[in-house]
Amino acid sequence: MRREIPLAITFLVGLFMLVDFFVPHHGVSAAAEEMKQWGTIVIAASILLGVGNLIRVHYRKIRRKQDGWGYSIFTLAAMGVMLYFGGPWGTIEEGSAFNWMFLNMQVPLQSTMFSLLAFFIASAAYRAFRLRSAEAGLLLIAAIIVMLGRVPLGQFLTRGLPEKATLPWLTETIMTYPNMAAFRGILMGAALGVMAMGLRIILGIERSYLGGEN
């Protein structure tokens, strides 16, 4: 029963949300909206569980003095400070301590982490642009055209040529037609994947969310 009841609830709720999508009835829409509110409450409760699990994991790491336990102290201290200044006894309005820490500590840290992605992107581009096949050659040529067409150097190199021979025009053509076609194909594939996974969950085929094997 520990598995059958969650599977039955998932099936009924998922089926009802599908009915709400295809049946434009006021009663069905109102009930579906109420279920969405319940979902928001469940998500809020899961955040509390996540905070509790974070504290438990790092406290155990500190108590056992495992590798990197100093970082666990810093993590718990930072979380405690942010909870104190952003909780019911604090405020998150502009000019508050919470807002100052967010803008002057959290945002720069996020910018630093994202800036590191530039090196990974450059490494991936270097591996992808190796001329090992005809497809890789087409990718390399298209990438060079797009990169040059986005900077003033591309406009300078093709100045005086007809408009349809300039790098900016070629760049827009590549981005509008072949790139957009591939992008929409990826979106369609992702949508089909989401639909398939949703049906697997509703029908009880996919059970990884129960904490065990499928």
N, C-alpha and C. Protein backbone atom coordinates (compact mmCIF):
# COMPACT_ATOMS: atom_id res chain seq x y z
N MET A 1 0.82 -1.22 0.00
CA MET A 1 0.00 0.00 0.00
C MET A 1 0.84 1.26 0.00
N ARG A 2 2.08 1.15 0.46
CA ARG A 2 2.95 2.33 0.49
C ARG A 2 3.24 2.84 -0.91
N ARG A 3 3.18 1.98 -1.90
CA ARG A 3 3.41 2.40 -3.28
C ARG A 3 2.10 2.57 -4.05
N GLU A 4 1.13 1.74 -3.74
CA GLU A 4 -0.11 1.79 -4.50
C GLU A 4 -0.87 3.10 -4.29
N ILE A 5 -0.91 3.59 -3.05
CA ILE A 5 -1.65 4.82 -2.77
C ILE A 5 -1.03 6.03 -3.48
N PRO A 6 0.30 6.27 -3.38
CA PRO A 6 0.87 7.40 -4.16
C PRO A 6 0.67 7.25 -5.66
N LEU A 7 0.77 6.02 -6.17
CA LEU A 7 0.55 5.81 -7.61
C LEU A 7 -0.89 6.14 -8.00
N ALA A 8 -1.85 5.75 -7.15
CA ALA A 8 -3.26 6.04 -7.44
C ALA A 8 -3.52 7.54 -7.40
N ILE A 9 -2.95 8.23 -6.40
CA ILE A 9 -3.13 9.68 -6.31
C ILE A 9 -2.52 10.37 -7.52
N THR A 10 -1.33 9.94 -7.91
CA THR A 10 -0.68 10.53 -9.09
C THR A 10 -1.51 10.31 -10.34
N PHE A 11 -2.04 9.12 -10.50
CA PHE A 11 -2.86 8.82 -11.67
C PHE A 11 -4.11 9.68 -11.71
N LEU A 12 -4.82 9.80 -10.59
CA LEU A 12 -6.07 10.56 -10.56
C LEU A 12 -5.82 12.05 -10.78
N VAL A 13 -4.81 12.59 -10.11
CA VAL A 13 -4.52 14.02 -10.26
C VAL A 13 -4.05 14.32 -11.68
N GLY A 14 -3.14 13.50 -12.20
CA GLY A 14 -2.66 13.73 -13.57
C GLY A 14 -3.78 13.62 -14.59
N LEU A 15 -4.65 12.64 -14.41
CA LEU A 15 -5.78 12.49 -15.33
C LEU A 15 -6.73 13.68 -15.24
N PHE A 16 -6.94 14.17 -14.02
CA PHE A 16 -7.84 15.31 -13.85
C PHE A 16 -7.26 16.57 -14.51
N MET A 17 -5.94 16.78 -14.40
CA MET A 17 -5.33 17.95 -15.02
C MET A 17 -5.40 17.85 -16.54
N LEU A 18 -5.33 16.62 -17.09
CA LEU A 18 -5.52 16.46 -18.53
C LEU A 18 -6.94 16.80 -18.93
N VAL A 19 -7.91 16.39 -18.12
CA VAL A 19 -9.31 16.73 -18.39
C VAL A 19 -9.51 18.23 -18.36
N ASP A 20 -8.87 18.90 -17.42
CA ASP A 20 -8.98 20.36 -17.33
C ASP A 20 -8.44 21.04 -18.59
N PHE A 21 -7.41 20.45 -19.18
CA PHE A 21 -6.82 21.06 -20.38
C PHE A 21 -7.74 20.92 -21.59
N PHE A 22 -8.46 19.82 -21.67
CA PHE A 22 -9.28 19.56 -22.86
C PHE A 22 -10.76 19.89 -22.66
N VAL A 23 -11.22 20.04 -21.41
CA VAL A 23 -12.64 20.30 -21.14
C VAL A 23 -12.77 21.70 -20.53
N PRO A 24 -13.21 22.69 -21.30
CA PRO A 24 -13.33 24.06 -20.78
C PRO A 24 -14.61 24.26 -19.96
N HIS A 25 -14.67 23.63 -18.81
CA HIS A 25 -15.84 23.75 -17.95
C HIS A 25 -15.46 24.52 -16.68
N HIS A 26 -16.38 25.39 -16.20
CA HIS A 26 -16.05 26.23 -15.06
C HIS A 26 -15.74 25.40 -13.82
N GLY A 27 -16.56 24.36 -13.56
CA GLY A 27 -16.33 23.55 -12.38
C GLY A 27 -14.99 22.83 -12.43
N VAL A 28 -14.65 22.30 -13.59
CA VAL A 28 -13.37 21.60 -13.74
C VAL A 28 -12.21 22.57 -13.58
N SER A 29 -12.33 23.76 -14.18
CA SER A 29 -11.26 24.76 -14.07
C SER A 29 -11.07 25.21 -12.64
N ALA A 30 -12.16 25.42 -11.90
CA ALA A 30 -12.06 25.85 -10.51
C ALA A 30 -11.38 24.78 -9.66
N ALA A 31 -11.75 23.52 -9.86
CA ALA A 31 -11.12 22.44 -9.11
C ALA A 31 -9.65 22.30 -9.46
N ALA A 32 -9.31 22.45 -10.74
CA ALA A 32 -7.91 22.37 -11.16
C ALA A 32 -7.10 23.51 -10.56
N GLU A 33 -7.69 24.70 -10.50
CA GLU A 33 -6.98 25.84 -9.90
C GLU A 33 -6.74 25.59 -8.42
N GLU A 34 -7.70 24.97 -7.74
CA GLU A 34 -7.52 24.63 -6.33
C GLU A 34 -6.38 23.63 -6.15
N MET A 35 -6.29 22.66 -7.04
CA MET A 35 -5.20 21.69 -6.97
C MET A 35 -3.85 22.35 -7.20
N LYS A 36 -3.82 23.35 -8.09
CA LYS A 36 -2.56 24.07 -8.31
C LYS A 36 -2.14 24.82 -7.06
N GLN A 37 -3.11 25.36 -6.31
CA GLN A 37 -2.79 26.01 -5.04
C GLN A 37 -2.24 24.99 -4.05
N TRP A 38 -2.81 23.80 -4.03
CA TRP A 38 -2.27 22.75 -3.17
C TRP A 38 -0.83 22.41 -3.58
N GLY A 39 -0.59 22.39 -4.87
CA GLY A 39 0.77 22.12 -5.34
C GLY A 39 1.75 23.17 -4.86
N THR A 40 1.33 24.44 -4.84
CA THR A 40 2.19 25.51 -4.33
C THR A 40 2.52 25.29 -2.86
N ILE A 41 1.52 24.85 -2.09
CA ILE A 41 1.74 24.58 -0.67
C ILE A 41 2.73 23.42 -0.49
N VAL A 42 2.58 22.39 -1.31
CA VAL A 42 3.50 21.25 -1.23
C VAL A 42 4.93 21.68 -1.56
N ILE A 43 5.07 22.54 -2.56
CA ILE A 43 6.40 23.04 -2.93
C ILE A 43 7.01 23.83 -1.78
N ALA A 44 6.20 24.68 -1.12
CA ALA A 44 6.70 25.43 0.02
C ALA A 44 7.15 24.49 1.14
N ALA A 45 6.38 23.43 1.38
CA ALA A 45 6.78 22.46 2.40
C ALA A 45 8.06 21.74 2.01
N SER A 46 8.22 21.46 0.72
CA SER A 46 9.45 20.79 0.28
C SER A 46 10.67 21.67 0.47
N ILE A 47 10.49 23.00 0.36
CA ILE A 47 11.62 23.91 0.61
C ILE A 47 12.05 23.79 2.06
N LEU A 48 11.08 23.73 2.99
CA LEU A 48 11.42 23.56 4.41
C LEU A 48 12.14 22.24 4.63
N LEU A 49 11.68 21.18 3.97
CA LEU A 49 12.37 19.90 4.08
C LEU A 49 13.79 19.99 3.54
N GLY A 50 13.95 20.74 2.44
CA GLY A 50 15.29 20.91 1.88
C GLY A 50 16.22 21.64 2.82
N VAL A 51 15.71 22.68 3.48
CA VAL A 51 16.53 23.41 4.45
C VAL A 51 16.92 22.49 5.61
N GLY A 52 15.94 21.72 6.11
CA GLY A 52 16.24 20.79 7.20
C GLY A 52 17.26 19.75 6.80
N ASN A 53 17.16 19.23 5.57
CA ASN A 53 18.12 18.24 5.09
C ASN A 53 19.51 18.85 4.93
N LEU A 54 19.56 20.11 4.47
CA LEU A 54 20.84 20.79 4.32
C LEU A 54 21.53 20.94 5.68
N ILE A 55 20.75 21.34 6.68
CA ILE A 55 21.32 21.48 8.02
C ILE A 55 21.79 20.12 8.55
N ARG A 56 21.00 19.08 8.35
CA ARG A 56 21.37 17.76 8.86
C ARG A 56 22.64 17.23 8.21
N VAL A 57 22.75 17.37 6.88
CA VAL A 57 23.92 16.85 6.17
C VAL A 57 25.19 17.58 6.59
N HIS A 58 25.13 18.92 6.65
CA HIS A 58 26.34 19.67 6.98
C HIS A 58 26.68 19.56 8.46
N TYR A 59 25.69 19.44 9.32
CA TYR A 59 25.96 19.25 10.74
C TYR A 59 26.67 17.92 10.98
N ARG A 60 26.22 16.88 10.28
CA ARG A 60 26.88 15.57 10.40
C ARG A 60 28.31 15.65 9.88
N LYS A 61 28.51 16.40 8.81
CA LYS A 61 29.85 16.54 8.25
C LYS A 61 30.78 17.28 9.21
N ILE A 62 30.25 18.30 9.88
CA ILE A 62 31.05 19.06 10.84
C ILE A 62 31.36 18.20 12.06
N ARG A 63 30.37 17.46 12.55
CA ARG A 63 30.56 16.64 13.74
C ARG A 63 31.60 15.55 13.52
N ARG A 64 31.62 14.97 12.32
CA ARG A 64 32.57 13.92 12.00
C ARG A 64 33.87 14.46 11.44
N LYS A 65 33.94 15.78 11.22
CA LYS A 65 35.12 16.44 10.67
C LYS A 65 35.60 15.76 9.39
N GLN A 66 34.65 15.60 8.47
CA GLN A 66 34.99 15.03 7.19
C GLN A 66 35.69 16.07 6.33
N ASP A 67 36.18 15.63 5.15
CA ASP A 67 36.88 16.54 4.25
C ASP A 67 35.98 17.71 3.86
N GLY A 68 36.51 18.93 4.00
CA GLY A 68 35.75 20.12 3.65
C GLY A 68 34.74 20.55 4.68
N TRP A 69 34.89 20.09 5.94
CA TRP A 69 33.89 20.45 6.95
C TRP A 69 33.93 21.94 7.29
N GLY A 70 35.04 22.61 6.99
CA GLY A 70 35.10 24.05 7.20
C GLY A 70 34.14 24.80 6.29
N TYR A 71 33.99 24.31 5.07
CA TYR A 71 33.04 24.91 4.15
C TYR A 71 31.60 24.70 4.63
N SER A 72 31.37 23.59 5.32
CA SER A 72 30.03 23.35 5.87
C SER A 72 29.70 24.37 6.94
N ILE A 73 30.69 24.73 7.76
CA ILE A 73 30.46 25.77 8.77
C ILE A 73 30.09 27.09 8.10
N PHE A 74 30.82 27.43 7.06
CA PHE A 74 30.54 28.68 6.36
C PHE A 74 29.16 28.65 5.71
N THR A 75 28.79 27.49 5.14
CA THR A 75 27.48 27.36 4.50
C THR A 75 26.35 27.56 5.50
N LEU A 76 26.43 26.88 6.65
CA LEU A 76 25.39 27.01 7.66
C LEU A 76 25.35 28.42 8.24
N ALA A 77 26.52 29.04 8.44
CA ALA A 77 26.55 30.40 8.97
C ALA A 77 25.92 31.38 7.99
N ALA A 78 26.25 31.25 6.71
CA ALA A 78 25.68 32.15 5.70
C ALA A 78 24.18 31.97 5.60
N MET A 79 23.72 30.70 5.64
CA MET A 79 22.29 30.46 5.58
C MET A 79 21.58 31.03 6.79
N GLY A 80 22.18 30.89 7.97
CA GLY A 80 21.58 31.45 9.17
C GLY A 80 21.47 32.97 9.13
N VAL A 81 22.51 33.62 8.62
CA VAL A 81 22.49 35.09 8.53
C VAL A 81 21.41 35.56 7.56
N MET A 82 21.32 34.90 6.40
CA MET A 82 20.31 35.29 5.42
C MET A 82 18.90 35.02 5.93
N LEU A 83 18.72 33.90 6.65
CA LEU A 83 17.40 33.61 7.22
C LEU A 83 17.03 34.63 8.29
N TYR A 84 18.01 35.06 9.06
CA TYR A 84 17.73 36.02 10.13
C TYR A 84 17.30 37.37 9.56
N PHE A 85 18.05 37.86 8.56
CA PHE A 85 17.74 39.18 8.02
C PHE A 85 16.58 39.15 7.01
N GLY A 86 16.25 37.96 6.49
CA GLY A 86 15.16 37.89 5.52
C GLY A 86 13.92 37.21 6.05
N GLY A 87 13.94 36.76 7.32
CA GLY A 87 12.80 36.08 7.90
C GLY A 87 11.72 37.03 8.37
N PRO A 88 10.77 36.52 9.13
CA PRO A 88 9.66 37.36 9.62
C PRO A 88 10.12 38.54 10.45
N TRP A 89 11.28 38.42 11.11
CA TRP A 89 11.79 39.50 11.95
C TRP A 89 12.69 40.45 11.17
N GLY A 90 12.87 40.21 9.89
CA GLY A 90 13.68 41.08 9.05
C GLY A 90 12.86 41.65 7.91
N THR A 91 13.54 42.15 6.91
CA THR A 91 12.88 42.71 5.74
C THR A 91 13.77 42.52 4.52
N ILE A 92 13.15 42.41 3.35
CA ILE A 92 13.90 42.23 2.11
C ILE A 92 13.74 43.44 1.20
N GLU A 93 13.23 44.53 1.76
CA GLU A 93 13.01 45.73 0.95
C GLU A 93 14.34 46.37 0.58
N GLU A 94 14.28 47.27 -0.39
CA GLU A 94 15.47 47.96 -0.84
C GLU A 94 16.08 48.78 0.29
N GLY A 95 17.39 48.66 0.44
CA GLY A 95 18.08 49.36 1.52
C GLY A 95 18.27 48.53 2.77
N SER A 96 17.63 47.36 2.85
CA SER A 96 17.76 46.51 4.03
C SER A 96 19.08 45.75 3.99
N ALA A 97 19.42 45.15 5.13
CA ALA A 97 20.66 44.38 5.20
C ALA A 97 20.60 43.17 4.28
N PHE A 98 19.43 42.53 4.21
CA PHE A 98 19.26 41.37 3.34
C PHE A 98 19.47 41.76 1.89
N ASN A 99 18.87 42.86 1.46
CA ASN A 99 19.03 43.32 0.08
C ASN A 99 20.46 43.69 -0.21
N TRP A 100 21.15 44.31 0.76
CA TRP A 100 22.56 44.70 0.55
C TRP A 100 23.43 43.46 0.38
N MET A 101 23.22 42.44 1.21
CA MET A 101 24.01 41.22 1.11
C MET A 101 23.72 40.49 -0.21
N PHE A 102 22.47 40.53 -0.62
CA PHE A 102 22.12 39.85 -1.87
C PHE A 102 22.79 40.53 -3.05
N LEU A 103 22.75 41.86 -3.11
CA LEU A 103 23.29 42.59 -4.25
C LEU A 103 24.81 42.63 -4.24
N ASN A 104 25.42 42.64 -3.08
CA ASN A 104 26.88 42.82 -2.99
C ASN A 104 27.64 41.53 -2.70
N MET A 105 26.92 40.44 -2.42
CA MET A 105 27.59 39.17 -2.16
C MET A 105 27.07 38.06 -3.08
N GLN A 106 25.75 37.86 -3.08
CA GLN A 106 25.18 36.78 -3.87
C GLN A 106 25.33 37.05 -5.37
N VAL A 107 24.97 38.25 -5.81
CA VAL A 107 25.03 38.56 -7.24
C VAL A 107 26.47 38.49 -7.78
N PRO A 108 27.48 39.07 -7.10
CA PRO A 108 28.86 38.92 -7.62
C PRO A 108 29.32 37.46 -7.66
N LEU A 109 28.92 36.66 -6.65
CA LEU A 109 29.31 35.25 -6.67
C LEU A 109 28.68 34.53 -7.86
N GLN A 110 27.41 34.81 -8.13
CA GLN A 110 26.76 34.20 -9.28
C GLN A 110 27.43 34.64 -10.58
N SER A 111 27.79 35.92 -10.68
CA SER A 111 28.46 36.40 -11.88
C SER A 111 29.80 35.71 -12.08
N THR A 112 30.50 35.47 -10.97
CA THR A 112 31.79 34.79 -11.07
C THR A 112 31.61 33.36 -11.56
N MET A 113 30.61 32.66 -11.02
CA MET A 113 30.38 31.29 -11.45
C MET A 113 29.99 31.22 -12.93
N PHE A 114 29.11 32.13 -13.36
CA PHE A 114 28.70 32.11 -14.76
C PHE A 114 29.83 32.53 -15.69
N SER A 115 30.72 33.39 -15.21
CA SER A 115 31.84 33.81 -16.07
C SER A 115 32.78 32.65 -16.35
N LEU A 116 32.84 31.68 -15.43
CA LEU A 116 33.68 30.50 -15.66
C LEU A 116 33.16 29.66 -16.82
N LEU A 117 31.85 29.79 -17.10
CA LEU A 117 31.29 29.01 -18.21
C LEU A 117 31.90 29.40 -19.55
N ALA A 118 32.42 30.62 -19.65
CA ALA A 118 33.03 31.05 -20.91
C ALA A 118 34.19 30.14 -21.30
N PHE A 119 34.97 29.70 -20.32
CA PHE A 119 36.11 28.83 -20.61
C PHE A 119 35.64 27.43 -21.04
N PHE A 120 34.57 26.94 -20.41
CA PHE A 120 34.04 25.64 -20.82
C PHE A 120 33.42 25.72 -22.21
N ILE A 121 32.76 26.85 -22.52
CA ILE A 121 32.19 27.03 -23.85
C ILE A 121 33.29 27.08 -24.91
N ALA A 122 34.38 27.79 -24.58
CA ALA A 122 35.49 27.88 -25.53
C ALA A 122 36.12 26.50 -25.76
N SER A 123 36.25 25.72 -24.68
CA SER A 123 36.81 24.37 -24.82
C SER A 123 35.89 23.48 -25.65
N ALA A 124 34.58 23.56 -25.40
CA ALA A 124 33.63 22.75 -26.17
C ALA A 124 33.62 23.17 -27.64
N ALA A 125 33.70 24.49 -27.89
CA ALA A 125 33.72 24.97 -29.27
C ALA A 125 34.98 24.49 -30.00
N TYR A 126 36.10 24.46 -29.29
CA TYR A 126 37.34 23.99 -29.92
C TYR A 126 37.22 22.53 -30.33
N ARG A 127 36.62 21.70 -29.47
CA ARG A 127 36.46 20.29 -29.80
C ARG A 127 35.43 20.09 -30.92
N ALA A 128 34.37 20.92 -30.91
CA ALA A 128 33.32 20.75 -31.92
C ALA A 128 33.75 21.23 -33.30
N PHE A 129 34.68 22.19 -33.35
CA PHE A 129 35.06 22.78 -34.63
C PHE A 129 36.21 22.05 -35.32
N ARG A 130 36.63 20.91 -34.81
CA ARG A 130 37.68 20.16 -35.48
C ARG A 130 37.13 19.56 -36.78
N LEU A 131 37.91 19.72 -37.84
CA LEU A 131 37.47 19.26 -39.17
C LEU A 131 37.69 17.75 -39.29
N ARG A 132 36.75 16.99 -38.71
CA ARG A 132 36.85 15.55 -38.79
C ARG A 132 35.82 14.95 -39.75
N SER A 133 34.86 15.77 -40.18
CA SER A 133 33.83 15.29 -41.10
C SER A 133 33.26 16.48 -41.85
N ALA A 134 32.41 16.17 -42.84
CA ALA A 134 31.77 17.24 -43.61
C ALA A 134 30.83 18.05 -42.73
N GLU A 135 30.14 17.37 -41.80
CA GLU A 135 29.23 18.09 -40.91
C GLU A 135 29.99 19.05 -40.01
N ALA A 136 31.16 18.60 -39.51
CA ALA A 136 31.97 19.49 -38.68
C ALA A 136 32.48 20.68 -39.48
N GLY A 137 32.77 20.46 -40.77
CA GLY A 137 33.20 21.58 -41.62
C GLY A 137 32.10 22.60 -41.80
N LEU A 138 30.87 22.14 -42.05
CA LEU A 138 29.74 23.06 -42.18
C LEU A 138 29.52 23.83 -40.87
N LEU A 139 29.64 23.14 -39.74
CA LEU A 139 29.48 23.81 -38.46
C LEU A 139 30.54 24.87 -38.26
N LEU A 140 31.78 24.56 -38.64
CA LEU A 140 32.87 25.53 -38.50
C LEU A 140 32.64 26.75 -39.37
N ILE A 141 32.24 26.53 -40.63
CA ILE A 141 32.01 27.67 -41.53
C ILE A 141 30.86 28.54 -41.03
N ALA A 142 29.77 27.90 -40.62
CA ALA A 142 28.63 28.67 -40.11
C ALA A 142 29.00 29.44 -38.85
N ALA A 143 29.78 28.81 -37.96
CA ALA A 143 30.18 29.49 -36.73
C ALA A 143 31.06 30.71 -37.02
N ILE A 144 31.99 30.57 -37.98
CA ILE A 144 32.86 31.70 -38.32
C ILE A 144 32.05 32.85 -38.90
N ILE A 145 31.10 32.52 -39.78
CA ILE A 145 30.26 33.57 -40.39
C ILE A 145 29.44 34.28 -39.32
N VAL A 146 28.84 33.51 -38.40
CA VAL A 146 28.00 34.12 -37.36
C VAL A 146 28.84 34.97 -36.42
N MET A 147 29.99 34.47 -36.01
CA MET A 147 30.82 35.24 -35.09
C MET A 147 31.33 36.53 -35.72
N LEU A 148 31.76 36.46 -36.98
CA LEU A 148 32.24 37.67 -37.65
C LEU A 148 31.08 38.61 -37.97
N GLY A 149 29.91 38.06 -38.27
CA GLY A 149 28.77 38.91 -38.60
C GLY A 149 28.20 39.65 -37.41
N ARG A 150 28.55 39.25 -36.19
CA ARG A 150 28.04 39.89 -34.99
C ARG A 150 28.95 41.01 -34.48
N VAL A 151 30.11 41.18 -35.07
CA VAL A 151 31.06 42.18 -34.59
C VAL A 151 31.35 43.18 -35.70
N PRO A 152 31.85 44.37 -35.35
CA PRO A 152 32.15 45.38 -36.39
C PRO A 152 33.18 44.92 -37.41
N LEU A 153 34.07 43.97 -37.03
CA LEU A 153 35.07 43.49 -37.98
C LEU A 153 34.42 42.85 -39.20
N GLY A 154 33.32 42.13 -38.99
CA GLY A 154 32.62 41.51 -40.12
C GLY A 154 32.05 42.55 -41.07
N GLN A 155 31.50 43.60 -40.53
CA GLN A 155 30.99 44.67 -41.38
C GLN A 155 32.12 45.34 -42.15
N PHE A 156 33.28 45.49 -41.49
CA PHE A 156 34.42 46.13 -42.15
C PHE A 156 34.97 45.27 -43.29
N LEU A 157 35.01 43.96 -43.08
CA LEU A 157 35.60 43.07 -44.09
C LEU A 157 34.74 42.98 -45.35
N THR A 158 33.44 43.15 -45.21
CA THR A 158 32.53 42.99 -46.36
C THR A 158 31.92 44.32 -46.79
N ARG A 159 32.51 45.41 -46.40
CA ARG A 159 31.97 46.71 -46.81
C ARG A 159 32.16 46.87 -48.32
N GLY A 160 31.21 47.52 -48.96
CA GLY A 160 31.27 47.73 -50.40
C GLY A 160 30.68 46.60 -51.22
N LEU A 161 30.41 45.45 -50.60
CA LEU A 161 29.82 44.33 -51.32
C LEU A 161 28.30 44.48 -51.35
N PRO A 162 27.61 43.77 -52.26
CA PRO A 162 26.14 43.80 -52.24
C PRO A 162 25.62 43.33 -50.88
N GLU A 163 24.43 43.78 -50.52
CA GLU A 163 23.90 43.48 -49.18
C GLU A 163 23.83 41.99 -48.90
N LYS A 164 23.41 41.19 -49.90
CA LYS A 164 23.25 39.77 -49.68
C LYS A 164 24.58 39.01 -49.69
N ALA A 165 25.69 39.75 -49.83
CA ALA A 165 27.01 39.13 -49.75
C ALA A 165 27.76 39.54 -48.50
N THR A 166 27.17 40.40 -47.69
CA THR A 166 27.83 40.86 -46.47
C THR A 166 27.67 39.84 -45.35
N LEU A 167 28.62 39.85 -44.44
CA LEU A 167 28.58 38.92 -43.31
C LEU A 167 27.37 39.15 -42.39
N PRO A 168 26.98 40.40 -42.09
CA PRO A 168 25.78 40.57 -41.26
C PRO A 168 24.53 39.97 -41.88
N TRP A 169 24.36 40.11 -43.21
CA TRP A 169 23.17 39.53 -43.86
C TRP A 169 23.23 38.01 -43.83
N LEU A 170 24.41 37.43 -44.08
CA LEU A 170 24.56 35.99 -44.01
C LEU A 170 24.29 35.46 -42.60
N THR A 171 24.74 36.23 -41.61
CA THR A 171 24.51 35.84 -40.22
C THR A 171 23.02 35.79 -39.90
N GLU A 172 22.30 36.82 -40.28
CA GLU A 172 20.86 36.85 -40.02
C GLU A 172 20.14 35.72 -40.77
N THR A 173 20.61 35.42 -41.99
CA THR A 173 19.99 34.34 -42.75
C THR A 173 20.19 32.99 -42.06
N ILE A 174 21.42 32.75 -41.60
CA ILE A 174 21.70 31.49 -40.90
C ILE A 174 20.89 31.38 -39.61
N MET A 175 20.80 32.47 -38.85
CA MET A 175 20.08 32.44 -37.58
C MET A 175 18.57 32.33 -37.79
N THR A 176 18.07 32.87 -38.91
CA THR A 176 16.62 32.89 -39.13
C THR A 176 16.10 31.59 -39.70
N TYR A 177 16.86 30.94 -40.59
CA TYR A 177 16.35 29.75 -41.28
C TYR A 177 16.93 28.44 -40.75
N PRO A 178 18.17 28.08 -41.05
CA PRO A 178 18.63 26.75 -40.57
C PRO A 178 18.71 26.66 -39.05
N ASN A 179 19.18 27.71 -38.40
CA ASN A 179 19.29 27.66 -36.94
C ASN A 179 17.91 27.57 -36.29
N MET A 180 16.96 28.37 -36.77
CA MET A 180 15.61 28.34 -36.20
C MET A 180 14.93 27.00 -36.46
N ALA A 181 15.17 26.42 -37.63
CA ALA A 181 14.58 25.11 -37.92
C ALA A 181 15.11 24.05 -36.96
N ALA A 182 16.42 24.07 -36.72
CA ALA A 182 17.00 23.10 -35.78
C ALA A 182 16.50 23.36 -34.36
N PHE A 183 16.39 24.63 -33.98
CA PHE A 183 15.92 24.97 -32.64
C PHE A 183 14.49 24.49 -32.42
N ARG A 184 13.63 24.68 -33.42
CA ARG A 184 12.25 24.23 -33.28
C ARG A 184 12.17 22.70 -33.27
N GLY A 185 13.05 22.04 -34.02
CA GLY A 185 13.09 20.59 -33.97
C GLY A 185 13.47 20.09 -32.59
N ILE A 186 14.44 20.76 -31.95
CA ILE A 186 14.83 20.39 -30.60
C ILE A 186 13.68 20.62 -29.63
N LEU A 187 12.98 21.74 -29.78
CA LEU A 187 11.84 22.01 -28.90
C LEU A 187 10.75 20.96 -29.07
N MET A 188 10.48 20.56 -30.32
CA MET A 188 9.47 19.54 -30.55
C MET A 188 9.89 18.21 -29.91
N GLY A 189 11.16 17.86 -30.04
CA GLY A 189 11.65 16.63 -29.42
C GLY A 189 11.54 16.69 -27.90
N ALA A 190 11.90 17.86 -27.32
CA ALA A 190 11.79 18.01 -25.87
C ALA A 190 10.33 17.93 -25.42
N ALA A 191 9.42 18.53 -26.21
CA ALA A 191 7.99 18.47 -25.86
C ALA A 191 7.48 17.04 -25.89
N LEU A 192 7.88 16.27 -26.91
CA LEU A 192 7.47 14.88 -26.98
C LEU A 192 8.05 14.08 -25.81
N GLY A 193 9.28 14.41 -25.42
CA GLY A 193 9.88 13.73 -24.28
C GLY A 193 9.14 14.03 -22.98
N VAL A 194 8.74 15.30 -22.82
CA VAL A 194 7.98 15.67 -21.62
C VAL A 194 6.63 14.96 -21.60
N MET A 195 5.97 14.89 -22.77
CA MET A 195 4.68 14.19 -22.84
C MET A 195 4.85 12.70 -22.51
N ALA A 196 5.90 12.10 -23.05
CA ALA A 196 6.13 10.68 -22.78
C ALA A 196 6.41 10.44 -21.30
N MET A 197 7.23 11.30 -20.70
CA MET A 197 7.52 11.14 -19.27
C MET A 197 6.28 11.37 -18.43
N GLY A 198 5.44 12.35 -18.81
CA GLY A 198 4.20 12.59 -18.08
C GLY A 198 3.28 11.39 -18.12
N LEU A 199 3.16 10.78 -19.29
CA LEU A 199 2.32 9.58 -19.41
C LEU A 199 2.90 8.42 -18.61
N ARG A 200 4.22 8.29 -18.60
CA ARG A 200 4.85 7.22 -17.81
C ARG A 200 4.57 7.40 -16.32
N ILE A 201 4.60 8.65 -15.87
CA ILE A 201 4.34 8.92 -14.45
C ILE A 201 2.87 8.68 -14.12
N ILE A 202 1.97 9.17 -14.99
CA ILE A 202 0.54 9.01 -14.73
C ILE A 202 0.14 7.53 -14.73
N LEU A 203 0.70 6.76 -15.64
CA LEU A 203 0.35 5.35 -15.75
C LEU A 203 1.12 4.46 -14.77
N GLY A 204 2.01 5.04 -14.00
CA GLY A 204 2.73 4.27 -13.00
C GLY A 204 3.92 3.50 -13.53
N ILE A 205 4.33 3.77 -14.77
CA ILE A 205 5.50 3.09 -15.32
C ILE A 205 6.78 3.66 -14.74
N GLU A 206 6.85 4.98 -14.64
CA GLU A 206 8.00 5.66 -14.04
C GLU A 206 7.73 5.86 -12.55
N ARG A 207 8.55 5.22 -11.70
CA ARG A 207 8.33 5.29 -10.26
C ARG A 207 9.54 5.79 -9.48
N SER A 208 10.47 6.43 -10.18
CA SER A 208 11.68 6.90 -9.49
C SER A 208 11.37 7.95 -8.44
N TYR A 209 10.24 8.69 -8.59
CA TYR A 209 9.91 9.73 -7.60
C TYR A 209 9.48 9.11 -6.28
N LEU A 210 9.25 7.82 -6.24
CA LEU A 210 8.90 7.15 -4.99
C LEU A 210 10.12 6.80 -4.16
N GLY A 211 11.30 7.06 -4.70
CA GLY A 211 12.52 6.81 -3.95
C GLY A 211 13.14 5.46 -4.19
N GLY A 212 12.60 4.67 -5.11
CA GLY A 212 13.14 3.36 -5.40
C GLY A 212 13.40 3.19 -6.88
N GLU A 213 13.64 1.98 -7.28
CA GLU A 213 13.88 1.71 -8.69
C GLU A 213 12.58 1.72 -9.46
N ASN A 214 12.69 1.90 -10.79
CA ASN A 214 11.50 1.91 -11.64
C ASN A 214 10.78 0.55 -11.59
